[in-house]
Amino acid sequence: MATPLRVLLADDHEDILDLLRLAFRIYGPHEVIATVSDGRKAVDEAIRQQPDLVVLDLMMPVLSGFEAVALIRTGSPRTRIAILSALDDHDSRQRAMAAGADLFLVKGMVPREMVKVMTEAVLHTAAGAGA
């Protein structure tokens, strides 16, 4: 595998953060550079650390995923953003993508597949930028 991705995880549920941390370590291996529990912290860390990927819960305290995506996109334009949500509806998906998300995934997806989809999206984007 190429260079491991630098990943920022943002979710207000510690058990989800634990699952994601483990999944990225096992199925990457990727480097989880930070975990945060609210949208404002996600924006601040993304801008400060410029990760390859931010995995962002849609419904979080302080700033929602919708708000955080737009701010991350502005302050860290090369970062890919994957929304991870319990909501699986067309409106949420459309709003997230319109705000600047690269992916919209539903919680409950098999962790191995989730990491694979996110990794491929980041690597595909990087390959396209280098072409």
C-alpha atoms as a PDB file:
ATOM      1  CA  MET A   1       0.000   0.000   0.000  1.00  0.00           C
ATOM      2  CA  ALA A   2       1.063   3.574  -0.579  1.00  0.00           C
ATOM      3  CA  THR A   3       1.752   6.010   2.223  1.00  0.00           C
ATOM      4  CA  PRO A   4      -0.793   5.656   5.030  1.00  0.00           C
ATOM      5  CA  LEU A   5      -3.493   8.312   5.073  1.00  0.00           C
ATOM      6  CA  ARG A   6      -3.594  10.862   7.871  1.00  0.00           C
ATOM      7  CA  VAL A   7      -7.146  10.691   9.245  1.00  0.00           C
ATOM      8  CA  LEU A   8      -9.140  12.953  11.577  1.00  0.00           C
ATOM      9  CA  LEU A   9     -12.196  11.344  13.204  1.00  0.00           C
ATOM     10  CA  ALA A  10     -15.103  13.437  14.485  1.00  0.00           C
ATOM     11  CA  ASP A  11     -18.081  11.894  16.286  1.00  0.00           C
ATOM     12  CA  ASP A  12     -19.814  12.690  19.547  1.00  0.00           C
ATOM     13  CA  HIS A  13     -20.103   8.998  20.499  1.00  0.00           C
ATOM     14  CA  GLU A  14     -16.957   7.497  21.995  1.00  0.00           C
ATOM     15  CA  ASP A  15     -17.898   3.964  20.919  1.00  0.00           C
ATOM     16  CA  ILE A  16     -18.088   5.065  17.276  1.00  0.00           C
ATOM     17  CA  LEU A  17     -14.689   6.772  17.598  1.00  0.00           C
ATOM     18  CA  ASP A  18     -13.249   3.571  19.086  1.00  0.00           C
ATOM     19  CA  LEU A  19     -14.660   1.490  16.228  1.00  0.00           C
ATOM     20  CA  LEU A  20     -13.353   3.876  13.594  1.00  0.00           C
ATOM     21  CA  ARG A  21      -9.895   4.077  15.201  1.00  0.00           C
ATOM     22  CA  LEU A  22      -9.666   0.296  15.233  1.00  0.00           C
ATOM     23  CA  ALA A  23     -10.983  -0.074  11.673  1.00  0.00           C
ATOM     24  CA  PHE A  24      -8.479   2.411  10.257  1.00  0.00           C
ATOM     25  CA  ARG A  25      -5.620   0.710  12.101  1.00  0.00           C
ATOM     26  CA  ILE A  26      -6.581  -2.828  11.051  1.00  0.00           C
ATOM     27  CA  TYR A  27      -7.767  -2.231   7.515  1.00  0.00           C
ATOM     28  CA  GLY A  28      -5.422   0.583   6.556  1.00  0.00           C
ATOM     29  CA  PRO A  29      -3.135   0.830   8.197  1.00  0.00           C
ATOM     30  CA  HIS A  30      -3.690   4.530   8.433  1.00  0.00           C
ATOM     31  CA  GLU A  31      -2.642   7.108  11.009  1.00  0.00           C
ATOM     32  CA  VAL A  32      -5.486   8.547  13.062  1.00  0.00           C
ATOM     33  CA  ILE A  33      -3.994  11.931  13.898  1.00  0.00           C
ATOM     34  CA  ALA A  34      -6.860  13.162  16.098  1.00  0.00           C
ATOM     35  CA  THR A  35     -10.296  12.307  17.398  1.00  0.00           C
ATOM     36  CA  VAL A  36     -12.754  15.028  18.373  1.00  0.00           C
ATOM     37  CA  SER A  37     -16.298  15.095  19.695  1.00  0.00           C
ATOM     38  CA  ASP A  38     -17.867  18.224  18.200  1.00  0.00           C
ATOM     39  CA  GLY A  39     -18.048  20.057  14.904  1.00  0.00           C
ATOM     40  CA  ARG A  40     -16.075  23.113  16.012  1.00  0.00           C
ATOM     41  CA  LYS A  41     -13.148  20.974  17.155  1.00  0.00           C
ATOM     42  CA  ALA A  42     -13.305  19.066  13.861  1.00  0.00           C
ATOM     43  CA  VAL A  43     -12.969  22.306  11.905  1.00  0.00           C
ATOM     44  CA  ASP A  44     -10.143  23.608  14.104  1.00  0.00           C
ATOM     45  CA  GLU A  45      -8.150  20.351  13.929  1.00  0.00           C
ATOM     46  CA  ALA A  46      -8.704  19.928  10.181  1.00  0.00           C
ATOM     47  CA  ILE A  47      -7.441  23.424   9.479  1.00  0.00           C
ATOM     48  CA  ARG A  48      -4.506  23.043  11.867  1.00  0.00           C
ATOM     49  CA  GLN A  49      -3.400  19.540  10.790  1.00  0.00           C
ATOM     50  CA  GLN A  50      -4.525  19.402   7.127  1.00  0.00           C
ATOM     51  CA  PRO A  51      -5.339  15.662   7.166  1.00  0.00           C
ATOM     52  CA  ASP A  52      -5.846  13.577   4.040  1.00  0.00           C
ATOM     53  CA  LEU A  53      -9.294  12.556   5.263  1.00  0.00           C
ATOM     54  CA  VAL A  54     -11.849  13.779   7.789  1.00  0.00           C
ATOM     55  CA  VAL A  55     -14.553  11.325   8.838  1.00  0.00           C
ATOM     56  CA  LEU A  56     -17.315  13.516  10.177  1.00  0.00           C
ATOM     57  CA  ASP A  57     -20.554  12.609  11.951  1.00  0.00           C
ATOM     58  CA  LEU A  58     -23.488  14.562  10.582  1.00  0.00           C
ATOM     59  CA  MET A  59     -25.255  15.271  13.881  1.00  0.00           C
ATOM     60  CA  MET A  60     -22.775  16.701  16.391  1.00  0.00           C
ATOM     61  CA  PRO A  61     -22.786  19.373  19.072  1.00  0.00           C
ATOM     62  CA  VAL A  62     -21.572  22.958  18.560  1.00  0.00           C
ATOM     63  CA  LEU A  63     -21.497  22.757  14.725  1.00  0.00           C
ATOM     64  CA  SER A  64     -23.433  20.215  12.685  1.00  0.00           C
ATOM     65  CA  GLY A  65     -21.665  18.156  10.063  1.00  0.00           C
ATOM     66  CA  PHE A  66     -23.298  20.325   7.390  1.00  0.00           C
ATOM     67  CA  GLU A  67     -21.734  23.470   8.877  1.00  0.00           C
ATOM     68  CA  ALA A  68     -18.387  21.816   9.595  1.00  0.00           C
ATOM     69  CA  VAL A  69     -18.011  20.458   6.045  1.00  0.00           C
ATOM     70  CA  ALA A  70     -18.234  23.903   4.502  1.00  0.00           C
ATOM     71  CA  LEU A  71     -15.707  25.373   6.943  1.00  0.00           C
ATOM     72  CA  ILE A  72     -13.276  22.480   6.534  1.00  0.00           C
ATOM     73  CA  ARG A  73     -13.565  22.713   2.760  1.00  0.00           C
ATOM     74  CA  THR A  74     -12.584  26.400   2.954  1.00  0.00           C
ATOM     75  CA  GLY A  75      -9.737  26.031   5.469  1.00  0.00           C
ATOM     76  CA  SER A  76      -8.332  22.705   4.255  1.00  0.00           C
ATOM     77  CA  PRO A  77      -9.280  22.433   0.575  1.00  0.00           C
ATOM     78  CA  ARG A  78      -7.160  19.359  -0.215  1.00  0.00           C
ATOM     79  CA  THR A  79      -8.689  17.323   2.619  1.00  0.00           C
ATOM     80  CA  ARG A  80     -11.276  14.760   1.557  1.00  0.00           C
ATOM     81  CA  ILE A  81     -14.382  14.688   3.756  1.00  0.00           C
ATOM     82  CA  ALA A  82     -16.510  11.630   4.421  1.00  0.00           C
ATOM     83  CA  ILE A  83     -19.808  12.155   6.211  1.00  0.00           C
ATOM     84  CA  LEU A  84     -20.809   9.253   8.428  1.00  0.00           C
ATOM     85  CA  SER A  85     -24.447   9.372   9.460  1.00  0.00           C
ATOM     86  CA  ALA A  86     -27.226   7.354  11.008  1.00  0.00           C
ATOM     87  CA  LEU A  87     -29.549   9.190   8.616  1.00  0.00           C
ATOM     88  CA  ASP A  88     -29.984   7.486   5.276  1.00  0.00           C
ATOM     89  CA  ASP A  89     -32.222   9.906   3.451  1.00  0.00           C
ATOM     90  CA  HIS A  90     -31.900  11.725   0.154  1.00  0.00           C
ATOM     91  CA  ASP A  91     -32.162  15.233   1.665  1.00  0.00           C
ATOM     92  CA  SER A  92     -29.312  14.699   4.161  1.00  0.00           C
ATOM     93  CA  ARG A  93     -27.130  13.179   1.459  1.00  0.00           C
ATOM     94  CA  GLN A  94     -27.830  16.068  -0.946  1.00  0.00           C
ATOM     95  CA  ARG A  95     -27.211  18.731   1.714  1.00  0.00           C
ATOM     96  CA  ALA A  96     -23.917  17.129   2.769  1.00  0.00           C
ATOM     97  CA  MET A  97     -22.664  16.851  -0.791  1.00  0.00           C
ATOM     98  CA  ALA A  98     -23.775  20.427  -1.578  1.00  0.00           C
ATOM     99  CA  ALA A  99     -21.811  21.636   1.473  1.00  0.00           C
ATOM    100  CA  GLY A 100     -18.657  20.027   0.073  1.00  0.00           C
ATOM    101  CA  ALA A 101     -18.530  16.431   1.336  1.00  0.00           C
ATOM    102  CA  ASP A 102     -16.815  13.906  -0.921  1.00  0.00           C
ATOM    103  CA  LEU A 103     -18.613  10.852   0.465  1.00  0.00           C
ATOM    104  CA  PHE A 104     -21.769  10.113   2.417  1.00  0.00           C
ATOM    105  CA  LEU A 105     -21.742   6.788   4.278  1.00  0.00           C
ATOM    106  CA  VAL A 106     -24.316   5.305   6.605  1.00  0.00           C
ATOM    107  CA  LYS A 107     -23.366   4.119  10.079  1.00  0.00           C
ATOM    108  CA  GLY A 108     -23.716   0.388  10.312  1.00  0.00           C
ATOM    109  CA  MET A 109     -21.676  -0.233   7.181  1.00  0.00           C
ATOM    110  CA  VAL A 110     -19.166  -3.066   7.563  1.00  0.00           C
ATOM    111  CA  PRO A 111     -15.980  -1.405   8.914  1.00  0.00           C
ATOM    112  CA  ARG A 112     -13.685  -3.089   6.370  1.00  0.00           C
ATOM    113  CA  GLU A 113     -15.829  -1.838   3.478  1.00  0.00           C
ATOM    114  CA  MET A 114     -16.139   1.623   4.997  1.00  0.00           C
ATOM    115  CA  VAL A 115     -12.353   2.036   5.255  1.00  0.00           C
ATOM    116  CA  LYS A 116     -11.904   0.628   1.743  1.00  0.00           C
ATOM    117  CA  VAL A 117     -14.415   3.065   0.213  1.00  0.00           C
ATOM    118  CA  MET A 118     -12.893   6.051   2.016  1.00  0.00           C
ATOM    119  CA  THR A 119      -9.332   5.057   1.143  1.00  0.00           C
ATOM    120  CA  GLU A 120     -10.170   4.555  -2.528  1.00  0.00           C
ATOM    121  CA  ALA A 121     -11.933   7.923  -2.661  1.00  0.00           C
ATOM    122  CA  VAL A 122      -8.900   9.732  -1.250  1.00  0.00           C
ATOM    123  CA  LEU A 123      -6.417   7.860  -3.436  1.00  0.00           C
ATOM    124  CA  HIS A 124      -8.564   8.339  -6.543  1.00  0.00           C
ATOM    125  CA  THR A 125      -8.741  12.080  -5.862  1.00  0.00           C
ATOM    126  CA  ALA A 126      -4.977  12.270  -5.283  1.00  0.00           C
ATOM    127  CA  ALA A 127      -4.284  10.346  -8.508  1.00  0.00           C
ATOM    128  CA  GLY A 128      -6.562  12.687 -10.428  1.00  0.00           C
ATOM    129  CA  ALA A 129      -4.794  15.725  -9.003  1.00  0.00           C
ATOM    130  CA  GLY A 130      -1.415  14.331  -9.984  1.00  0.00           C
ATOM    131  CA  ALA A 131      -2.444  13.417 -13.519  1.00  0.00           C
END
